[in-house]
Protein backbone atom coordinates (compact mmCIF):
# COMPACT_ATOMS: atom_id res chain seq x y z
CA MET A 1 127.41 107.73 118.20
CA GLY A 2 124.45 109.48 119.80
CA LYS A 3 120.92 109.67 118.57
CA THR A 4 118.75 112.74 118.28
CA ILE A 5 114.87 112.65 118.75
CA ILE A 6 112.99 114.69 116.24
CA LEU A 7 109.38 115.55 116.84
CA ILE A 8 107.52 115.52 113.62
CA HIS A 9 104.07 117.29 113.14
CA VAL A 10 101.98 114.96 110.88
CA LEU A 11 98.74 115.87 109.18
CA PHE A 12 96.33 113.05 108.49
CA VAL A 13 94.20 114.43 105.58
CA CYS A 14 91.37 112.12 105.97
CA ALA A 15 90.62 112.84 109.67
CA MET A 16 91.84 116.44 109.31
CA ARG A 17 93.36 116.13 112.81
CA HIS A 18 96.99 116.89 113.71
CA VAL A 19 99.06 114.37 115.69
CA ASN A 20 102.59 114.47 116.94
CA LEU A 21 104.98 111.62 116.20
CA THR A 22 108.50 111.16 117.64
CA ILE A 23 111.11 109.33 115.77
CA THR A 24 114.79 108.54 116.65
CA ILE A 25 117.49 109.06 114.08
CA PRO A 26 121.32 108.86 114.37
CA GLU A 27 122.80 112.23 115.41
CA GLU A 28 125.07 112.30 112.33
CA LEU A 29 121.94 112.09 110.00
CA ARG A 30 120.40 114.96 111.98
CA GLU A 31 123.34 117.11 111.43
CA ARG A 32 123.33 116.34 107.72
CA MET A 33 119.49 117.18 107.64
CA LYS A 34 120.21 120.61 109.22
CA ARG A 35 122.18 121.70 106.27
CA ILE A 36 119.34 121.04 103.85
CA ARG A 37 116.45 123.41 103.93
CA ILE A 38 113.57 121.02 103.45
CA ASN A 39 110.32 120.59 105.37
CA TRP A 40 111.24 117.25 106.98
CA SER A 41 107.77 116.89 108.33
CA GLU A 42 106.37 116.91 104.82
CA VAL A 43 109.07 114.30 103.77
CA ALA A 44 108.26 112.05 106.53
CA ARG A 45 104.42 112.43 106.04
CA ARG A 46 104.79 111.48 102.32
CA ALA A 47 106.90 108.54 103.20
CA PHE A 48 104.49 107.20 105.80
CA GLU A 49 101.58 107.71 103.45
CA GLU A 50 103.41 105.71 100.64
CA GLU A 51 104.23 102.88 102.90
CA VAL A 52 100.76 102.75 104.22
CA LYS A 53 99.37 102.68 100.67
CA ARG A 54 101.94 99.91 99.79
CA PHE A 55 100.82 97.79 102.62
CA GLU A 56 97.11 98.36 101.81
CA ARG A 57 97.75 97.25 98.26
CA LEU A 58 99.54 94.05 99.39
CA GLU A 59 96.62 93.32 101.76
CA ALA A 60 94.10 93.81 98.98
CA VAL A 61 96.09 91.43 96.69
CA LYS A 62 96.03 88.84 99.53
CA ILE A 63 92.30 89.20 99.84
CA MET A 64 91.65 89.10 96.09
CA ASP A 65 93.88 85.81 95.86
CA GLY A 66 91.83 84.30 98.80
CA LEU A 67 88.61 85.00 96.89
CA ARG A 68 89.84 83.39 93.75
CA THR A 69 90.76 80.18 95.57
CA LYS A 70 87.39 79.95 97.36
CA VAL A 71 85.25 79.20 94.26
CA VAL A 72 85.46 75.49 93.93
CA GLY A 73 84.86 73.87 90.58
CA TRP A 74 85.09 77.20 88.62
CA SER A 75 87.81 77.81 86.09
CA GLY A 76 88.30 81.13 84.46
CA VAL A 77 89.94 79.54 81.49
CA ASP A 78 86.92 77.21 81.00
CA GLU A 79 84.54 80.17 81.46
CA VAL A 80 86.28 82.13 78.72
CA ARG A 81 86.27 79.20 76.36
CA ARG A 82 82.44 78.62 76.98
CA TRP A 83 81.81 82.38 76.41
CA ARG A 84 83.96 82.40 73.29
CA ASP A 85 82.36 79.24 71.92
CA SER A 86 78.81 80.56 72.44
CA ARG A 87 79.62 83.71 70.54
CA SER A 88 81.14 81.78 67.64
CA THR A 89 78.22 79.43 67.19
CA PRO A 90 75.81 80.66 64.51
CA ARG A 91 72.44 81.76 65.52
């Protein structure tokens, strides 16, 4: 089965510059896509944007997890208990 190369025009909103991106898909998929009147560039742009956001969220989680483990001797549970105890003590 052959493959078709599609040139997709992608708009990166943050930079407001246009770039071209070439992807390769199976020919059978291209034929099926031709029957549907959709802006495939927009579909691809949204998919790329969502995938980048997903990756960025995973990276942020890794960074936050790393920050949590770097504080030696500190316990969030102990800190909350101290805070609650200090508030419940009559003044």
